[in-house]
Amino acid sequence: MILFRFCPSSFGLTTETRPLFQLPPAIMTSVSDLISQQPTNVINNPELVSYTDKTWAREYHSIQNLKIHTVEGQDRVVYANFDGPLLSLLADEPKRMGEIAQMPNTRFWRLETEADIEHWWHTEVSDVVLAAWANYPLIVQTCHTKPLTGTNIPENIDCTYSMYVGNSRIPVALGEMKRNLINRREWQAGSLGDAQRKLARELRG
């Protein structure tokens, strides 16, 4: 990228362009390469917790049949099994994974509020993945909006990913932001405490 300044020529009415400075080209790679990487920016997480106890969620039972696809090994590394619960790759996946993408800017994060966590998620994860869904098909993201069903309810959804079918938007995935609330050891053990049961009711709703 080059920024120019325009200078009147002393030899007539023409102008000439002279570079002010030249920026290095943006590092571009494929979606496939970026998705296979962990976010690299440093995070300061003060471990503050936002609990949930929404009135409308009390109508739902907590999740009883837990099937967890992540385990913590003896080396204290968490291993995730994506092949079991997710569909296998389809024939059109290479088109999406081959889309051009750029790494997020280098910066430092402090995750003090849910808004900070949302900002981190969209910058470090969502934006990278959405590069794969810019064309095949187009996925759009909205934040803090009503459900696409048109139901008139007071609650908003933190994040909605949807695709257009004709003039209608069909939800593909929904996101709910929580601040350090999930206790993975309780979920992996299959025994949820009070805070995790309340979260499970909200997830079911």
C-alpha atoms as a PDB file:
ATOM      1  CA  MET A   1       0.000   0.000   0.000  1.00  0.00           C
ATOM      2  CA  ILE A   2       1.358   3.434  -0.960  1.00  0.00           C
ATOM      3  CA  LEU A   3       0.034   6.828   0.204  1.00  0.00           C
ATOM      4  CA  PHE A   4       0.591   9.752  -2.158  1.00  0.00           C
ATOM      5  CA  ARG A   5       0.704  13.524  -1.823  1.00  0.00           C
ATOM      6  CA  PHE A   6      -0.141  15.788  -4.721  1.00  0.00           C
ATOM      7  CA  CYS A   7       2.251  18.700  -5.403  1.00  0.00           C
ATOM      8  CA  PRO A   8       1.741  21.537  -7.919  1.00  0.00           C
ATOM      9  CA  SER A   9       4.492  21.405 -10.463  1.00  0.00           C
ATOM     10  CA  SER A  10       6.689  24.472 -10.786  1.00  0.00           C
ATOM     11  CA  PHE A  11       6.889  23.761 -14.531  1.00  0.00           C
ATOM     12  CA  GLY A  12       3.257  24.347 -15.454  1.00  0.00           C
ATOM     13  CA  LEU A  13      -0.261  23.455 -14.362  1.00  0.00           C
ATOM     14  CA  THR A  14       0.280  19.704 -14.119  1.00  0.00           C
ATOM     15  CA  THR A  15       0.657  17.843 -10.851  1.00  0.00           C
ATOM     16  CA  GLU A  16       2.972  15.051  -9.829  1.00  0.00           C
ATOM     17  CA  THR A  17       2.587  12.372  -7.186  1.00  0.00           C
ATOM     18  CA  ARG A  18       5.270  11.645  -4.663  1.00  0.00           C
ATOM     19  CA  PRO A  19       5.037   8.833  -2.101  1.00  0.00           C
ATOM     20  CA  LEU A  20       4.806  10.030   1.509  1.00  0.00           C
ATOM     21  CA  PHE A  21       5.783   6.577   2.728  1.00  0.00           C
ATOM     22  CA  GLN A  22       5.244   2.998   1.674  1.00  0.00           C
ATOM     23  CA  LEU A  23       3.531   0.438   3.873  1.00  0.00           C
ATOM     24  CA  PRO A  24       4.422  -3.245   3.720  1.00  0.00           C
ATOM     25  CA  PRO A  25       1.829  -5.365   1.914  1.00  0.00           C
ATOM     26  CA  ALA A  26      -0.790  -7.066   4.062  1.00  0.00           C
ATOM     27  CA  ILE A  27      -0.016 -10.675   4.857  1.00  0.00           C
ATOM     28  CA  MET A  28      -2.617 -12.695   3.004  1.00  0.00           C
ATOM     29  CA  THR A  29      -3.197 -16.399   3.288  1.00  0.00           C
ATOM     30  CA  SER A  30      -6.029 -18.877   2.889  1.00  0.00           C
ATOM     31  CA  VAL A  31      -8.930 -19.461   5.239  1.00  0.00           C
ATOM     32  CA  SER A  32      -7.730 -23.043   5.664  1.00  0.00           C
ATOM     33  CA  ASP A  33      -4.352 -21.911   6.986  1.00  0.00           C
ATOM     34  CA  LEU A  34      -5.832 -19.459   9.488  1.00  0.00           C
ATOM     35  CA  ILE A  35      -8.554 -21.785  10.790  1.00  0.00           C
ATOM     36  CA  SER A  36      -5.927 -24.403  11.608  1.00  0.00           C
ATOM     37  CA  GLN A  37      -4.070 -21.903  13.827  1.00  0.00           C
ATOM     38  CA  GLN A  38      -4.745 -20.766  17.366  1.00  0.00           C
ATOM     39  CA  PRO A  39      -5.242 -17.008  17.932  1.00  0.00           C
ATOM     40  CA  THR A  40      -1.809 -15.576  18.695  1.00  0.00           C
ATOM     41  CA  ASN A  41      -2.606 -12.252  20.375  1.00  0.00           C
ATOM     42  CA  VAL A  42      -1.902 -12.021  24.105  1.00  0.00           C
ATOM     43  CA  ILE A  43      -4.912 -12.136  26.461  1.00  0.00           C
ATOM     44  CA  ASN A  44      -5.188 -10.778  30.000  1.00  0.00           C
ATOM     45  CA  ASN A  45      -8.211 -12.478  31.562  1.00  0.00           C
ATOM     46  CA  PRO A  46      -8.948 -11.374  35.165  1.00  0.00           C
ATOM     47  CA  GLU A  47     -11.314 -14.389  35.487  1.00  0.00           C
ATOM     48  CA  LEU A  48     -14.383 -12.308  36.371  1.00  0.00           C
ATOM     49  CA  VAL A  49     -17.618 -14.320  36.054  1.00  0.00           C
ATOM     50  CA  SER A  50     -21.048 -13.305  34.765  1.00  0.00           C
ATOM     51  CA  TYR A  51     -23.678 -15.675  36.173  1.00  0.00           C
ATOM     52  CA  THR A  52     -27.071 -16.229  34.580  1.00  0.00           C
ATOM     53  CA  ASP A  53     -30.529 -16.811  36.047  1.00  0.00           C
ATOM     54  CA  LYS A  54     -32.971 -15.589  33.424  1.00  0.00           C
ATOM     55  CA  THR A  55     -36.636 -15.832  34.353  1.00  0.00           C
ATOM     56  CA  TRP A  56     -37.773 -17.207  30.998  1.00  0.00           C
ATOM     57  CA  ALA A  57     -35.175 -19.997  31.144  1.00  0.00           C
ATOM     58  CA  ARG A  58     -36.744 -21.444  34.311  1.00  0.00           C
ATOM     59  CA  GLU A  59     -39.479 -22.957  32.136  1.00  0.00           C
ATOM     60  CA  TYR A  60     -36.936 -25.388  30.677  1.00  0.00           C
ATOM     61  CA  HIS A  61     -35.387 -28.468  32.221  1.00  0.00           C
ATOM     62  CA  SER A  62     -31.648 -28.575  32.552  1.00  0.00           C
ATOM     63  CA  ILE A  63     -29.665 -30.713  30.109  1.00  0.00           C
ATOM     64  CA  GLN A  64     -29.558 -34.257  31.475  1.00  0.00           C
ATOM     65  CA  ASN A  65     -27.941 -36.375  28.769  1.00  0.00           C
ATOM     66  CA  LEU A  66     -24.437 -34.959  28.520  1.00  0.00           C
ATOM     67  CA  LYS A  67     -22.197 -36.169  25.721  1.00  0.00           C
ATOM     68  CA  ILE A  68     -18.909 -34.292  25.912  1.00  0.00           C
ATOM     69  CA  HIS A  69     -16.464 -34.336  23.004  1.00  0.00           C
ATOM     70  CA  THR A  70     -13.475 -32.759  24.761  1.00  0.00           C
ATOM     71  CA  VAL A  71     -11.190 -34.371  27.301  1.00  0.00           C
ATOM     72  CA  GLU A  72      -8.219 -33.164  29.315  1.00  0.00           C
ATOM     73  CA  GLY A  73      -5.213 -35.431  28.948  1.00  0.00           C
ATOM     74  CA  GLN A  74      -2.637 -36.253  31.592  1.00  0.00           C
ATOM     75  CA  ASP A  75      -0.435 -33.627  29.961  1.00  0.00           C
ATOM     76  CA  ARG A  76      -3.156 -31.070  30.905  1.00  0.00           C
ATOM     77  CA  VAL A  77      -3.837 -30.389  27.230  1.00  0.00           C
ATOM     78  CA  VAL A  78      -7.511 -30.297  26.208  1.00  0.00           C
ATOM     79  CA  TYR A  79      -8.264 -32.532  23.219  1.00  0.00           C
ATOM     80  CA  ALA A  80     -11.361 -31.866  21.115  1.00  0.00           C
ATOM     81  CA  ASN A  81     -13.032 -34.426  18.869  1.00  0.00           C
ATOM     82  CA  PHE A  82     -14.647 -32.566  15.995  1.00  0.00           C
ATOM     83  CA  ASP A  83     -15.022 -35.532  13.644  1.00  0.00           C
ATOM     84  CA  GLY A  84     -17.570 -37.322  15.823  1.00  0.00           C
ATOM     85  CA  PRO A  85     -20.273 -34.674  16.368  1.00  0.00           C
ATOM     86  CA  LEU A  86     -19.779 -32.724  13.129  1.00  0.00           C
ATOM     87  CA  LEU A  87     -20.604 -33.665   9.559  1.00  0.00           C
ATOM     88  CA  SER A  88     -17.805 -34.784   7.297  1.00  0.00           C
ATOM     89  CA  LEU A  89     -16.388 -32.315   4.768  1.00  0.00           C
ATOM     90  CA  LEU A  90     -18.460 -31.874   1.620  1.00  0.00           C
ATOM     91  CA  ALA A  91     -17.319 -31.566  -1.977  1.00  0.00           C
ATOM     92  CA  ASP A  92     -17.626 -27.761  -1.973  1.00  0.00           C
ATOM     93  CA  GLU A  93     -15.513 -27.242   1.161  1.00  0.00           C
ATOM     94  CA  PRO A  94     -12.266 -26.629  -0.789  1.00  0.00           C
ATOM     95  CA  LYS A  95     -13.846 -23.547  -2.405  1.00  0.00           C
ATOM     96  CA  ARG A  96     -14.569 -22.038   0.994  1.00  0.00           C
ATOM     97  CA  MET A  97     -11.305 -23.094   2.599  1.00  0.00           C
ATOM     98  CA  GLY A  98      -9.339 -21.694  -0.338  1.00  0.00           C
ATOM     99  CA  GLU A  99     -10.762 -18.183   0.037  1.00  0.00           C
ATOM    100  CA  ILE A 100      -8.222 -15.420   0.697  1.00  0.00           C
ATOM    101  CA  ALA A 101      -8.004 -14.256   4.325  1.00  0.00           C
ATOM    102  CA  GLN A 102      -5.862 -11.981   6.473  1.00  0.00           C
ATOM    103  CA  MET A 103      -4.571 -12.439   9.991  1.00  0.00           C
ATOM    104  CA  PRO A 104      -6.045 -10.180  12.689  1.00  0.00           C
ATOM    105  CA  ASN A 105      -3.977  -7.162  13.685  1.00  0.00           C
ATOM    106  CA  THR A 106      -1.418  -7.697  16.413  1.00  0.00           C
ATOM    107  CA  ARG A 107      -2.750  -6.290  19.673  1.00  0.00           C
ATOM    108  CA  PHE A 108      -3.188  -6.951  23.419  1.00  0.00           C
ATOM    109  CA  TRP A 109      -6.533  -8.022  24.912  1.00  0.00           C
ATOM    110  CA  ARG A 110      -8.004  -7.532  28.381  1.00  0.00           C
ATOM    111  CA  LEU A 111     -11.225  -9.505  28.801  1.00  0.00           C
ATOM    112  CA  GLU A 112     -12.870  -7.602  31.651  1.00  0.00           C
ATOM    113  CA  THR A 113     -16.482  -7.379  30.420  1.00  0.00           C
ATOM    114  CA  GLU A 114     -18.773  -9.407  28.181  1.00  0.00           C
ATOM    115  CA  ALA A 115     -18.355  -6.659  25.583  1.00  0.00           C
ATOM    116  CA  ASP A 116     -14.590  -7.264  25.656  1.00  0.00           C
ATOM    117  CA  ILE A 117     -15.193 -10.975  25.090  1.00  0.00           C
ATOM    118  CA  GLU A 118     -17.547 -10.260  22.195  1.00  0.00           C
ATOM    119  CA  HIS A 119     -14.922  -7.977  20.634  1.00  0.00           C
ATOM    120  CA  TRP A 120     -12.270 -10.698  20.999  1.00  0.00           C
ATOM    121  CA  TRP A 121     -14.559 -13.373  19.543  1.00  0.00           C
ATOM    122  CA  HIS A 122     -15.492 -11.373  16.463  1.00  0.00           C
ATOM    123  CA  THR A 123     -11.927 -10.200  15.794  1.00  0.00           C
ATOM    124  CA  GLU A 124      -9.970 -13.381  16.464  1.00  0.00           C
ATOM    125  CA  VAL A 125     -12.452 -16.134  15.528  1.00  0.00           C
ATOM    126  CA  SER A 126     -15.634 -15.033  13.776  1.00  0.00           C
ATOM    127  CA  ASP A 127     -14.024 -12.692  11.247  1.00  0.00           C
ATOM    128  CA  VAL A 128     -11.543 -15.395  10.243  1.00  0.00           C
ATOM    129  CA  VAL A 129     -14.237 -18.027   9.754  1.00  0.00           C
ATOM    130  CA  LEU A 130     -16.629 -15.658   7.950  1.00  0.00           C
ATOM    131  CA  ALA A 131     -14.011 -15.170   5.238  1.00  0.00           C
ATOM    132  CA  ALA A 132     -14.887 -18.726   4.182  1.00  0.00           C
ATOM    133  CA  TRP A 133     -18.542 -17.794   3.921  1.00  0.00           C
ATOM    134  CA  ALA A 134     -18.273 -14.649   1.821  1.00  0.00           C
ATOM    135  CA  ASN A 135     -19.531 -16.353  -1.341  1.00  0.00           C
ATOM    136  CA  TYR A 136     -20.374 -20.073  -1.025  1.00  0.00           C
ATOM    137  CA  PRO A 137     -22.944 -19.171   0.333  1.00  0.00           C
ATOM    138  CA  LEU A 138     -22.950 -15.689   1.852  1.00  0.00           C
ATOM    139  CA  ILE A 139     -23.334 -15.763   5.643  1.00  0.00           C
ATOM    140  CA  VAL A 140     -24.195 -12.508   7.409  1.00  0.00           C
ATOM    141  CA  GLN A 141     -23.719 -11.713  11.087  1.00  0.00           C
ATOM    142  CA  THR A 142     -25.848  -9.481  13.305  1.00  0.00           C
ATOM    143  CA  CYS A 143     -25.462  -8.692  17.006  1.00  0.00           C
ATOM    144  CA  HIS A 144     -28.031  -8.040  19.756  1.00  0.00           C
ATOM    145  CA  THR A 145     -31.037  -8.486  17.479  1.00  0.00           C
ATOM    146  CA  LYS A 146     -34.420 -10.184  17.781  1.00  0.00           C
ATOM    147  CA  PRO A 147     -34.923 -13.799  16.636  1.00  0.00           C
ATOM    148  CA  LEU A 148     -35.448 -14.181  12.891  1.00  0.00           C
ATOM    149  CA  THR A 149     -38.713 -16.040  13.520  1.00  0.00           C
ATOM    150  CA  GLY A 150     -40.466 -12.689  13.898  1.00  0.00           C
ATOM    151  CA  THR A 151     -41.716 -13.617  17.374  1.00  0.00           C
ATOM    152  CA  ASN A 152     -42.229 -10.488  19.469  1.00  0.00           C
ATOM    153  CA  ILE A 153     -40.180 -11.173  22.607  1.00  0.00           C
ATOM    154  CA  PRO A 154     -38.161  -8.756  24.770  1.00  0.00           C
ATOM    155  CA  GLU A 155     -34.929 -10.772  24.603  1.00  0.00           C
ATOM    156  CA  ASN A 156     -32.178 -10.200  22.050  1.00  0.00           C
ATOM    157  CA  ILE A 157     -29.718 -12.736  20.682  1.00  0.00           C
ATOM    158  CA  ASP A 158     -26.093 -11.813  21.254  1.00  0.00           C
ATOM    159  CA  CYS A 159     -24.989 -13.026  17.821  1.00  0.00           C
ATOM    160  CA  THR A 160     -26.879 -14.477  14.853  1.00  0.00           C
ATOM    161  CA  TYR A 161     -25.307 -15.994  11.752  1.00  0.00           C
ATOM    162  CA  SER A 162     -27.750 -16.375   8.883  1.00  0.00           C
ATOM    163  CA  MET A 163     -27.961 -16.945   5.141  1.00  0.00           C
ATOM    164  CA  TYR A 164     -30.360 -15.553   2.572  1.00  0.00           C
ATOM    165  CA  VAL A 165     -32.832 -17.863   0.888  1.00  0.00           C
ATOM    166  CA  GLY A 166     -34.758 -15.643  -1.516  1.00  0.00           C
ATOM    167  CA  ASN A 167     -35.729 -12.596   0.530  1.00  0.00           C
ATOM    168  CA  SER A 168     -35.666 -14.460   3.833  1.00  0.00           C
ATOM    169  CA  ARG A 169     -32.817 -14.884   6.288  1.00  0.00           C
ATOM    170  CA  ILE A 170     -32.445 -18.377   7.684  1.00  0.00           C
ATOM    171  CA  PRO A 171     -30.482 -18.788  10.951  1.00  0.00           C
ATOM    172  CA  VAL A 172     -27.414 -21.001  10.718  1.00  0.00           C
ATOM    173  CA  ALA A 173     -25.921 -20.506  14.194  1.00  0.00           C
ATOM    174  CA  LEU A 174     -26.688 -18.499  17.322  1.00  0.00           C
ATOM    175  CA  GLY A 175     -24.149 -17.192  19.839  1.00  0.00           C
ATOM    176  CA  GLU A 176     -24.586 -16.325  23.504  1.00  0.00           C
ATOM    177  CA  MET A 177     -21.692 -14.563  25.230  1.00  0.00           C
ATOM    178  CA  LYS A 178     -20.796 -15.464  28.816  1.00  0.00           C
ATOM    179  CA  ARG A 179     -17.875 -14.270  30.903  1.00  0.00           C
ATOM    180  CA  ASN A 180     -15.893 -17.216  32.310  1.00  0.00           C
ATOM    181  CA  LEU A 181     -19.120 -18.999  33.266  1.00  0.00           C
ATOM    182  CA  ILE A 182     -18.645 -22.473  31.757  1.00  0.00           C
ATOM    183  CA  ASN A 183     -17.055 -24.871  34.221  1.00  0.00           C
ATOM    184  CA  ARG A 184     -15.613 -27.467  31.864  1.00  0.00           C
ATOM    185  CA  ARG A 185     -14.713 -29.887  34.660  1.00  0.00           C
ATOM    186  CA  GLU A 186     -18.351 -30.123  35.772  1.00  0.00           C
ATOM    187  CA  TRP A 187     -19.526 -30.700  32.202  1.00  0.00           C
ATOM    188  CA  GLN A 188     -16.849 -33.297  31.505  1.00  0.00           C
ATOM    189  CA  ALA A 189     -17.664 -35.092  34.752  1.00  0.00           C
ATOM    190  CA  GLY A 190     -21.374 -35.114  33.858  1.00  0.00           C
ATOM    191  CA  SER A 191     -22.325 -33.502  37.162  1.00  0.00           C
ATOM    192  CA  LEU A 192     -23.553 -29.907  36.945  1.00  0.00           C
ATOM    193  CA  GLY A 193     -23.725 -27.546  39.882  1.00  0.00           C
ATOM    194  CA  ASP A 194     -26.401 -24.878  40.309  1.00  0.00           C
ATOM    195  CA  ALA A 195     -24.736 -22.240  38.104  1.00  0.00           C
ATOM    196  CA  GLN A 196     -24.137 -24.728  35.281  1.00  0.00           C
ATOM    197  CA  ARG A 197     -27.722 -26.063  35.475  1.00  0.00           C
ATOM    198  CA  LYS A 198     -29.060 -22.531  35.068  1.00  0.00           C
ATOM    199  CA  LEU A 199     -26.788 -22.081  32.059  1.00  0.00           C
ATOM    200  CA  ALA A 200     -28.028 -25.394  30.620  1.00  0.00           C
ATOM    201  CA  ARG A 201     -31.650 -24.238  30.896  1.00  0.00           C
ATOM    202  CA  GLU A 202     -30.782 -21.073  28.996  1.00  0.00           C
ATOM    203  CA  LEU A 203     -28.967 -23.072  26.312  1.00  0.00           C
ATOM    204  CA  ARG A 204     -32.023 -25.295  25.829  1.00  0.00           C
ATOM    205  CA  GLY A 205     -34.241 -22.246  25.498  1.00  0.00           C
END
